[in-house]
PDB file of all heavy atoms in Angstrom:
ATOM      1  N   SER A   1       0.862  -1.165  -0.031  1.00  0.00           N
ATOM      2  CA  SER A   1       0.009   0.007   0.008  1.00  0.00           C
ATOM      3  C   SER A   1       0.848   1.255   0.019  1.00  0.00           C
ATOM      4  O   SER A   1       2.042   1.179   0.431  1.00  0.00           O
ATOM      5  CB  SER A   1      -0.913  -0.007   1.201  1.00  0.00           C
ATOM      6  OG  SER A   1      -0.166   0.195   2.363  1.00  0.00           O
ATOM      7  N   ARG A   2       0.343   2.292  -0.509  1.00  0.00           N
ATOM      8  CA  ARG A   2       1.028   3.547  -0.564  1.00  0.00           C
ATOM      9  C   ARG A   2       0.085   4.637  -0.128  1.00  0.00           C
ATOM     10  O   ARG A   2      -1.114   4.610  -0.531  1.00  0.00           O
ATOM     11  CB  ARG A   2       1.510   3.759  -1.954  1.00  0.00           C
ATOM     12  CG  ARG A   2       2.224   5.139  -2.071  1.00  0.00           C
ATOM     13  CD  ARG A   2       2.701   5.429  -3.541  1.00  0.00           C
ATOM     14  NE  ARG A   2       3.875   4.682  -3.753  1.00  0.00           N
ATOM     15  CZ  ARG A   2       4.567   4.752  -4.870  1.00  0.00           C
ATOM     16  NH1 ARG A   2       4.054   5.389  -5.913  1.00  0.00           N
ATOM     17  NH2 ARG A   2       5.667   4.120  -5.082  1.00  0.00           N
ATOM     18  N   THR A   3       0.489   5.543   0.673  1.00  0.00           N
ATOM     19  CA  THR A   3      -0.337   6.639   1.109  1.00  0.00           C
ATOM     20  C   THR A   3       0.153   7.941   0.411  1.00  0.00           C
ATOM     21  O   THR A   3       1.420   8.187   0.475  1.00  0.00           O
ATOM     22  CB  THR A   3      -0.271   6.881   2.653  1.00  0.00           C
ATOM     23  OG1 THR A   3      -0.689   5.622   3.223  1.00  0.00           O
ATOM     24  CG2 THR A   3      -1.128   8.009   3.106  1.00  0.00           C
ATOM     25  N   LEU A   4      -0.708   8.631  -0.132  1.00  0.00           N
ATOM     26  CA  LEU A   4      -0.426   9.901  -0.837  1.00  0.00           C
ATOM     27  C   LEU A   4      -1.214  11.014  -0.141  1.00  0.00           C
ATOM     28  O   LEU A   4      -2.396  10.954  -0.040  1.00  0.00           O
ATOM     29  CB  LEU A   4      -0.782   9.869  -2.305  1.00  0.00           C
ATOM     30  CG  LEU A   4      -0.577  11.056  -3.150  1.00  0.00           C
ATOM     31  CD1 LEU A   4       0.902  11.405  -3.227  1.00  0.00           C
ATOM     32  CD2 LEU A   4      -1.087  10.845  -4.529  1.00  0.00           C
ATOM     33  N   ARG A   5      -0.555  12.026   0.359  1.00  0.00           N
ATOM     34  CA  ARG A   5      -1.165  13.156   0.982  1.00  0.00           C
ATOM     35  C   ARG A   5      -1.248  14.296  -0.001  1.00  0.00           C
ATOM     36  O   ARG A   5      -0.263  14.722  -0.547  1.00  0.00           O
ATOM     37  CB  ARG A   5      -0.408  13.609   2.188  1.00  0.00           C
ATOM     38  CG  ARG A   5      -1.062  14.795   2.903  1.00  0.00           C
ATOM     39  CD  ARG A   5      -0.200  15.394   3.975  1.00  0.00           C
ATOM     40  NE  ARG A   5      -0.016  14.423   4.981  1.00  0.00           N
ATOM     41  CZ  ARG A   5      -0.150  14.664   6.298  1.00  0.00           C
ATOM     42  NH1 ARG A   5      -0.436  15.938   6.714  1.00  0.00           N
ATOM     43  NH2 ARG A   5       0.046  13.756   7.155  1.00  0.00           N
ATOM     44  N   VAL A   6      -2.469  14.808  -0.243  1.00  0.00           N
ATOM     45  CA  VAL A   6      -2.687  15.903  -1.131  1.00  0.00           C
ATOM     46  C   VAL A   6      -3.165  17.132  -0.312  1.00  0.00           C
ATOM     47  O   VAL A   6      -4.143  17.000   0.434  1.00  0.00           O
ATOM     48  CB  VAL A   6      -3.753  15.563  -2.205  1.00  0.00           C
ATOM     49  CG1 VAL A   6      -4.069  16.788  -3.109  1.00  0.00           C
ATOM     50  CG2 VAL A   6      -3.306  14.345  -2.993  1.00  0.00           C
ATOM     51  N   THR A   7      -2.434  18.195  -0.439  1.00  0.00           N
ATOM     52  CA  THR A   7      -2.816  19.422   0.281  1.00  0.00           C
ATOM     53  C   THR A   7      -3.311  20.442  -0.708  1.00  0.00           C
ATOM     54  O   THR A   7      -2.561  20.705  -1.644  1.00  0.00           O
ATOM     55  CB  THR A   7      -1.639  19.962   1.061  1.00  0.00           C
ATOM     56  OG1 THR A   7      -1.172  18.908   1.920  1.00  0.00           O
ATOM     57  CG2 THR A   7      -1.998  21.145   1.894  1.00  0.00           C
ATOM     58  N   ARG A   8      -4.478  20.938  -0.487  1.00  0.00           N
ATOM     59  CA  ARG A   8      -5.056  21.915  -1.407  1.00  0.00           C
ATOM     60  C   ARG A   8      -5.347  23.223  -0.580  1.00  0.00           C
ATOM     61  O   ARG A   8      -5.990  23.106   0.460  1.00  0.00           O
ATOM     62  CB  ARG A   8      -6.332  21.443  -2.044  1.00  0.00           C
ATOM     63  CG  ARG A   8      -6.933  22.392  -3.000  1.00  0.00           C
ATOM     64  CD  ARG A   8      -8.144  21.694  -3.679  1.00  0.00           C
ATOM     65  NE  ARG A   8      -9.215  21.445  -2.706  1.00  0.00           N
ATOM     66  CZ  ARG A   8     -10.383  22.121  -2.601  1.00  0.00           C
ATOM     67  NH1 ARG A   8     -10.607  23.075  -3.445  1.00  0.00           N
ATOM     68  NH2 ARG A   8     -11.273  21.812  -1.754  1.00  0.00           N
ATOM     69  N   ALA A   9      -4.905  24.331  -1.069  1.00  0.00           N
ATOM     70  CA  ALA A   9      -5.196  25.554  -0.379  1.00  0.00           C
ATOM     71  C   ALA A   9      -6.675  26.011  -0.695  1.00  0.00           C
ATOM     72  O   ALA A   9      -7.019  26.108  -1.820  1.00  0.00           O
ATOM     73  CB  ALA A   9      -4.254  26.717  -0.790  1.00  0.00           C
ATOM     74  N   ALA A  10      -7.411  26.189   0.350  1.00  0.00           N
ATOM     75  CA  ALA A  10      -8.849  26.616   0.151  1.00  0.00           C
ATOM     76  C   ALA A  10      -8.821  28.105  -0.095  1.00  0.00           C
ATOM     77  O   ALA A  10      -8.035  28.880   0.398  1.00  0.00           O
ATOM     78  CB  ALA A  10      -9.644  26.310   1.406  1.00  0.00           C
ATOM     79  N   ALA A  11      -9.761  28.525  -0.999  1.00  0.00           N
ATOM     80  CA  ALA A  11      -9.892  29.987  -1.242  1.00  0.00           C
ATOM     81  C   ALA A  11     -10.360  30.668   0.019  1.00  0.00           C
ATOM     82  O   ALA A  11     -11.208  30.144   0.745  1.00  0.00           O
ATOM     83  CB  ALA A  11     -10.902  30.187  -2.355  1.00  0.00           C
ATOM     84  N   PRO A  12      -9.802  31.824   0.316  1.00  0.00           N
ATOM     85  CA  PRO A  12     -10.195  32.533   1.519  1.00  0.00           C
ATOM     86  C   PRO A  12     -11.648  32.993   1.443  1.00  0.00           C
ATOM     87  O   PRO A  12     -12.100  33.326   0.291  1.00  0.00           O
ATOM     88  CB  PRO A  12      -9.233  33.684   1.596  1.00  0.00           C
ATOM     89  CG  PRO A  12      -8.682  33.844   0.235  1.00  0.00           C
ATOM     90  CD  PRO A  12      -8.771  32.490  -0.453  1.00  0.00           C
ATOM     91  N   ILE A  13     -12.288  33.040   2.544  1.00  0.00           N
ATOM     92  CA  ILE A  13     -13.659  33.557   2.578  1.00  0.00           C
ATOM     93  C   ILE A  13     -13.599  34.968   3.223  1.00  0.00           C
ATOM     94  O   ILE A  13     -13.070  35.092   4.373  1.00  0.00           O
ATOM     95  CB  ILE A  13     -14.554  32.595   3.413  1.00  0.00           C
ATOM     96  CG1 ILE A  13     -14.614  31.270   2.751  1.00  0.00           C
ATOM     97  CG2 ILE A  13     -15.991  33.183   3.544  1.00  0.00           C
ATOM     98  CD1 ILE A  13     -15.383  30.212   3.567  1.00  0.00           C
ATOM     99  N   LEU A  14     -14.122  35.934   2.536  1.00  0.00           N
ATOM    100  CA  LEU A  14     -14.110  37.297   3.045  1.00  0.00           C
ATOM    101  C   LEU A  14     -15.350  37.528   3.863  1.00  0.00           C
ATOM    102  O   LEU A  14     -16.511  37.140   3.534  1.00  0.00           O
ATOM    103  CB  LEU A  14     -14.045  38.266   1.918  1.00  0.00           C
ATOM    104  CG  LEU A  14     -12.811  38.210   1.065  1.00  0.00           C
ATOM    105  CD1 LEU A  14     -12.990  39.142  -0.152  1.00  0.00           C
ATOM    106  CD2 LEU A  14     -11.578  38.495   1.823  1.00  0.00           C
ATOM    107  N   PRO A  15     -15.259  38.241   4.971  1.00  0.00           N
ATOM    108  CA  PRO A  15     -16.415  38.614   5.779  1.00  0.00           C
ATOM    109  C   PRO A  15     -17.342  39.581   5.014  1.00  0.00           C
ATOM    110  O   PRO A  15     -16.854  40.260   4.153  1.00  0.00           O
ATOM    111  CB  PRO A  15     -15.857  39.236   7.042  1.00  0.00           C
ATOM    112  CG  PRO A  15     -14.493  39.755   6.609  1.00  0.00           C
ATOM    113  CD  PRO A  15     -14.042  38.809   5.526  1.00  0.00           C
ATOM    114  N   ALA A  16     -18.603  39.608   5.340  1.00  0.00           N
ATOM    115  CA  ALA A  16     -19.603  40.478   4.700  1.00  0.00           C
ATOM    116  C   ALA A  16     -19.263  41.963   4.948  1.00  0.00           C
ATOM    117  O   ALA A  16     -19.482  42.786   4.074  1.00  0.00           O
ATOM    118  CB  ALA A  16     -20.974  40.147   5.114  1.00  0.00           C
ATOM    119  N   ARG A  17     -18.775  42.248   6.129  1.00  0.00           N
ATOM    120  CA  ARG A  17     -18.418  43.637   6.469  1.00  0.00           C
ATOM    121  C   ARG A  17     -17.050  43.685   6.989  1.00  0.00           C
ATOM    122  O   ARG A  17     -16.664  42.826   7.809  1.00  0.00           O
ATOM    123  CB  ARG A  17     -19.366  44.162   7.608  1.00  0.00           C
ATOM    124  CG  ARG A  17     -20.791  44.172   7.150  1.00  0.00           C
ATOM    125  CD  ARG A  17     -21.061  45.448   6.355  1.00  0.00           C
ATOM    126  NE  ARG A  17     -22.498  45.483   6.025  1.00  0.00           N
ATOM    127  CZ  ARG A  17     -22.921  45.772   4.836  1.00  0.00           C
ATOM    128  NH1 ARG A  17     -22.159  46.078   3.879  1.00  0.00           N
ATOM    129  NH2 ARG A  17     -24.231  45.770   4.602  1.00  0.00           N
ATOM    130  N   PRO A  18     -16.198  44.609   6.623  1.00  0.00           N
ATOM    131  CA  PRO A  18     -16.442  45.597   5.563  1.00  0.00           C
ATOM    132  C   PRO A  18     -16.395  44.940   4.142  1.00  0.00           C
ATOM    133  O   PRO A  18     -15.725  43.938   3.969  1.00  0.00           O
ATOM    134  CB  PRO A  18     -15.287  46.542   5.708  1.00  0.00           C
ATOM    135  CG  PRO A  18     -14.175  45.759   6.242  1.00  0.00           C
ATOM    136  CD  PRO A  18     -14.839  44.691   7.109  1.00  0.00           C
ATOM    137  N   THR A  19     -17.225  45.501   3.246  1.00  0.00           N
ATOM    138  CA  THR A  19     -17.240  44.944   1.866  1.00  0.00           C
ATOM    139  C   THR A  19     -15.877  45.146   1.187  1.00  0.00           C
ATOM    140  O   THR A  19     -15.336  46.241   1.296  1.00  0.00           O
ATOM    141  CB  THR A  19     -18.354  45.617   1.097  1.00  0.00           C
ATOM    142  OG1 THR A  19     -19.607  45.423   1.702  1.00  0.00           O
ATOM    143  CG2 THR A  19     -18.384  45.077  -0.342  1.00  0.00           C
ATOM    144  N   ARG A  20     -15.308  44.133   0.617  1.00  0.00           N
ATOM    145  CA  ARG A  20     -14.023  44.272  -0.033  1.00  0.00           C
ATOM    146  C   ARG A  20     -13.821  43.274  -1.100  1.00  0.00           C
ATOM    147  O   ARG A  20     -14.592  42.307  -1.210  1.00  0.00           O
ATOM    148  CB  ARG A  20     -12.850  44.237   0.967  1.00  0.00           C
ATOM    149  CG  ARG A  20     -12.721  42.964   1.713  1.00  0.00           C
ATOM    150  CD  ARG A  20     -11.720  43.150   2.866  1.00  0.00           C
ATOM    151  NE  ARG A  20     -11.562  41.915   3.590  1.00  0.00           N
ATOM    152  CZ  ARG A  20     -10.489  41.198   3.552  1.00  0.00           C
ATOM    153  NH1 ARG A  20      -9.422  41.651   2.936  1.00  0.00           N
ATOM    154  NH2 ARG A  20     -10.398  40.039   4.177  1.00  0.00           N
ATOM    155  N   ILE A  21     -12.830  43.459  -1.921  1.00  0.00           N
ATOM    156  CA  ILE A  21     -12.431  42.566  -2.996  1.00  0.00           C
ATOM    157  C   ILE A  21     -11.134  41.839  -2.681  1.00  0.00           C
ATOM    158  O   ILE A  21     -10.225  42.490  -2.125  1.00  0.00           O
ATOM    159  CB  ILE A  21     -12.225  43.339  -4.312  1.00  0.00           C
ATOM    160  CG1 ILE A  21     -13.599  43.896  -4.780  1.00  0.00           C
ATOM    161  CG2 ILE A  21     -11.604  42.456  -5.421  1.00  0.00           C
ATOM    162  CD1 ILE A  21     -13.496  44.859  -5.974  1.00  0.00           C
ATOM    163  N   LEU A  22     -11.022  40.574  -2.859  1.00  0.00           N
ATOM    164  CA  LEU A  22      -9.854  39.788  -2.615  1.00  0.00           C
ATOM    165  C   LEU A  22      -8.735  40.247  -3.525  1.00  0.00           C
ATOM    166  O   LEU A  22      -8.931  40.151  -4.771  1.00  0.00           O
ATOM    167  CB  LEU A  22     -10.053  38.272  -2.722  1.00  0.00           C
ATOM    168  CG  LEU A  22      -8.980  37.385  -2.381  1.00  0.00           C
ATOM    169  CD1 LEU A  22      -8.656  37.435  -0.938  1.00  0.00           C
ATOM    170  CD2 LEU A  22      -9.274  35.978  -2.869  1.00  0.00           C
ATOM    171  N   PRO A  23      -7.616  40.722  -2.982  1.00  0.00           N
ATOM    172  CA  PRO A  23      -6.561  41.208  -3.871  1.00  0.00           C
ATOM    173  C   PRO A  23      -6.129  40.122  -4.830  1.00  0.00           C
ATOM    174  O   PRO A  23      -5.999  38.937  -4.449  1.00  0.00           O
ATOM    175  CB  PRO A  23      -5.415  41.606  -2.924  1.00  0.00           C
ATOM    176  CG  PRO A  23      -6.178  41.829  -1.608  1.00  0.00           C
ATOM    177  CD  PRO A  23      -7.323  40.918  -1.591  1.00  0.00           C
ATOM    178  N   GLY A  24      -5.910  40.514  -6.082  1.00  0.00           N
ATOM    179  CA  GLY A  24      -5.471  39.574  -7.146  1.00  0.00           C
ATOM    180  C   GLY A  24      -6.535  38.705  -7.710  1.00  0.00           C
ATOM    181  O   GLY A  24      -6.286  37.922  -8.542  1.00  0.00           O
ATOM    182  N   SER A  25      -7.847  38.909  -7.317  1.00  0.00           N
ATOM    183  CA  SER A  25      -8.875  38.089  -7.832  1.00  0.00           C
ATOM    184  C   SER A  25      -9.572  38.677  -9.054  1.00  0.00           C
ATOM    185  O   SER A  25     -10.456  37.961  -9.643  1.00  0.00           O
ATOM    186  CB  SER A  25      -9.935  37.833  -6.690  1.00  0.00           C
ATOM    187  OG  SER A  25     -10.733  39.002  -6.428  1.00  0.00           O
ATOM    188  N   VAL A  26      -9.294  39.860  -9.382  1.00  0.00           N
ATOM    189  CA  VAL A  26     -10.004  40.558 -10.526  1.00  0.00           C
ATOM    190  C   VAL A  26      -9.390  40.073 -11.818  1.00  0.00           C
ATOM    191  O   VAL A  26      -8.162  40.134 -12.036  1.00  0.00           O
ATOM    192  CB  VAL A  26      -9.898  42.088 -10.401  1.00  0.00           C
ATOM    193  CG1 VAL A  26     -10.576  42.748 -11.600  1.00  0.00           C
ATOM    194  CG2 VAL A  26     -10.508  42.555  -9.131  1.00  0.00           C
TER     195      VAL A  26
END
């Protein structure tokens, strides 16, 4: 058997207030 660990960075979740745009997402 072989175990493979995959790590994936989850997209950040921005709070509703203050309203903002995630830098680099445009």
